[in-house]
């Protein structure tokens, strides 16, 4: 019978700085988009049209 995998640990032995920078950029853009969507939602509540 097959058992269940409870966890996997992966170790990367390399330079992850470019990946970290890319993820920071993705997080920043995501936060900016969230702020814009909140503004749109607020404006729609103000003037439902």
N, C-alpha and C. Protein backbone atom coordinates (compact mmCIF):
# COMPACT_ATOMS: atom_id res chain seq x y z
N UNK A 1 0.83 -1.19 0.00
CA UNK A 1 0.00 0.00 0.00
C UNK A 1 0.87 1.25 0.00
N UNK A 2 0.38 2.26 -0.65
CA UNK A 2 1.12 3.52 -0.71
C UNK A 2 0.81 4.34 0.53
N UNK A 3 1.84 4.99 1.05
CA UNK A 3 1.65 5.86 2.21
C UNK A 3 1.43 7.30 1.76
N UNK A 4 1.06 8.13 2.69
CA UNK A 4 0.83 9.54 2.39
C UNK A 4 2.12 10.32 2.61
N UNK A 5 2.36 11.27 1.74
CA UNK A 5 3.51 12.16 1.90
C UNK A 5 3.08 13.28 2.84
N UNK A 6 3.81 13.45 3.93
CA UNK A 6 3.42 14.45 4.92
C UNK A 6 4.13 15.78 4.73
N UNK A 7 5.24 15.79 4.04
CA UNK A 7 5.95 17.05 3.82
C UNK A 7 7.14 16.85 2.92
N UNK A 8 7.48 17.88 2.21
CA UNK A 8 8.63 17.84 1.32
C UNK A 8 9.48 19.07 1.62
N UNK A 9 10.76 18.87 1.78
CA UNK A 9 11.69 19.97 1.99
C UNK A 9 12.65 20.00 0.81
N UNK A 10 12.76 21.16 0.17
CA UNK A 10 13.67 21.31 -0.96
C UNK A 10 14.69 22.38 -0.60
N UNK A 11 15.94 22.06 -0.79
CA UNK A 11 17.01 23.02 -0.52
C UNK A 11 17.63 23.41 -1.85
N UNK A 12 17.70 24.71 -2.09
CA UNK A 12 18.29 25.20 -3.33
C UNK A 12 19.65 25.78 -2.98
N UNK A 13 20.67 25.22 -3.58
CA UNK A 13 22.02 25.71 -3.32
C UNK A 13 22.47 26.64 -4.42
N UNK A 14 21.87 27.79 -4.52
CA UNK A 14 22.23 28.73 -5.57
C UNK A 14 21.85 30.14 -5.18
N UNK A 15 22.04 31.04 -6.11
CA UNK A 15 21.73 32.44 -5.88
C UNK A 15 20.24 32.65 -6.13
N UNK A 16 19.50 32.93 -5.09
CA UNK A 16 18.06 33.12 -5.23
C UNK A 16 17.68 34.60 -5.23
N UNK A 17 18.67 35.48 -5.28
CA UNK A 17 18.38 36.92 -5.23
C UNK A 17 17.51 37.39 -6.39
N UNK A 18 17.76 36.97 -7.64
CA UNK A 18 16.86 37.40 -8.72
C UNK A 18 15.42 36.94 -8.49
N UNK A 19 15.24 35.74 -7.98
CA UNK A 19 13.90 35.24 -7.68
C UNK A 19 13.26 36.08 -6.58
N UNK A 20 14.02 36.39 -5.55
CA UNK A 20 13.49 37.20 -4.45
C UNK A 20 13.08 38.58 -4.95
N UNK A 21 13.89 39.18 -5.82
CA UNK A 21 13.56 40.49 -6.37
C UNK A 21 12.30 40.43 -7.22
N UNK A 22 12.16 39.37 -8.00
CA UNK A 22 10.97 39.21 -8.83
C UNK A 22 9.73 39.05 -7.95
N UNK A 23 9.85 38.28 -6.88
CA UNK A 23 8.71 38.08 -5.99
C UNK A 23 8.35 39.36 -5.25
N UNK A 24 9.35 40.17 -4.91
CA UNK A 24 9.06 41.47 -4.27
C UNK A 24 8.26 42.34 -5.23
N UNK A 25 8.64 42.32 -6.52
CA UNK A 25 7.93 43.11 -7.52
C UNK A 25 6.49 42.62 -7.67
N UNK A 26 6.31 41.31 -7.69
CA UNK A 26 4.96 40.74 -7.79
C UNK A 26 4.13 41.16 -6.58
N UNK A 27 4.70 41.10 -5.40
CA UNK A 27 3.98 41.49 -4.19
C UNK A 27 3.60 42.97 -4.22
N UNK A 28 4.51 43.82 -4.69
CA UNK A 28 4.23 45.25 -4.76
C UNK A 28 3.10 45.52 -5.74
N UNK A 29 3.15 44.89 -6.90
CA UNK A 29 2.10 45.10 -7.90
C UNK A 29 0.76 44.60 -7.39
N UNK A 30 0.79 43.49 -6.68
CA UNK A 30 -0.44 42.94 -6.12
C UNK A 30 -1.03 43.89 -5.09
N UNK A 31 -0.20 44.45 -4.24
CA UNK A 31 -0.67 45.42 -3.24
C UNK A 31 -1.23 46.67 -3.91
N UNK A 32 -0.55 47.14 -4.96
CA UNK A 32 -1.04 48.32 -5.69
C UNK A 32 -2.40 48.04 -6.32
N UNK A 33 -2.56 46.87 -6.91
CA UNK A 33 -3.83 46.50 -7.52
C UNK A 33 -4.94 46.39 -6.48
N UNK A 34 -4.61 45.84 -5.32
CA UNK A 34 -5.60 45.74 -4.24
C UNK A 34 -6.07 47.13 -3.83
N UNK A 35 -5.14 48.08 -3.72
CA UNK A 35 -5.51 49.45 -3.35
C UNK A 35 -6.41 50.07 -4.41
N UNK A 36 -6.08 49.85 -5.68
CA UNK A 36 -6.90 50.41 -6.75
C UNK A 36 -8.31 49.81 -6.73
N UNK A 37 -8.40 48.51 -6.51
CA UNK A 37 -9.71 47.87 -6.47
C UNK A 37 -10.54 48.37 -5.29
N UNK A 38 -9.89 48.64 -4.17
CA UNK A 38 -10.61 49.20 -3.02
C UNK A 38 -11.15 50.59 -3.36
N UNK A 39 -10.34 51.38 -4.09
CA UNK A 39 -10.80 52.70 -4.52
C UNK A 39 -12.00 52.59 -5.45
N UNK A 40 -11.95 51.66 -6.39
CA UNK A 40 -13.07 51.45 -7.31
C UNK A 40 -14.32 51.05 -6.54
N UNK A 41 -14.16 50.13 -5.60
CA UNK A 41 -15.30 49.69 -4.79
C UNK A 41 -15.90 50.86 -4.01
N UNK A 42 -15.04 51.69 -3.45
CA UNK A 42 -15.51 52.85 -2.69
C UNK A 42 -16.27 53.81 -3.60
N UNK A 43 -15.76 54.04 -4.81
CA UNK A 43 -16.43 54.95 -5.74
C UNK A 43 -17.76 54.38 -6.21
N UNK A 44 -17.83 53.08 -6.40
CA UNK A 44 -19.09 52.46 -6.81
C UNK A 44 -20.14 52.58 -5.71
N UNK A 45 -19.72 52.49 -4.47
CA UNK A 45 -20.66 52.67 -3.36
C UNK A 45 -21.13 54.12 -3.28
N UNK A 46 -20.22 55.05 -3.63
CA UNK A 46 -20.56 56.47 -3.60
C UNK A 46 -21.55 56.82 -4.71
N UNK A 47 -21.31 56.28 -5.91
CA UNK A 47 -22.16 56.56 -7.06
C UNK A 47 -22.47 55.25 -7.79
N UNK A 48 -23.50 54.53 -7.35
CA UNK A 48 -23.77 53.22 -7.93
C UNK A 48 -24.21 53.26 -9.38
N UNK A 49 -24.49 54.44 -9.93
CA UNK A 49 -24.76 54.59 -11.34
C UNK A 49 -26.08 54.10 -11.75
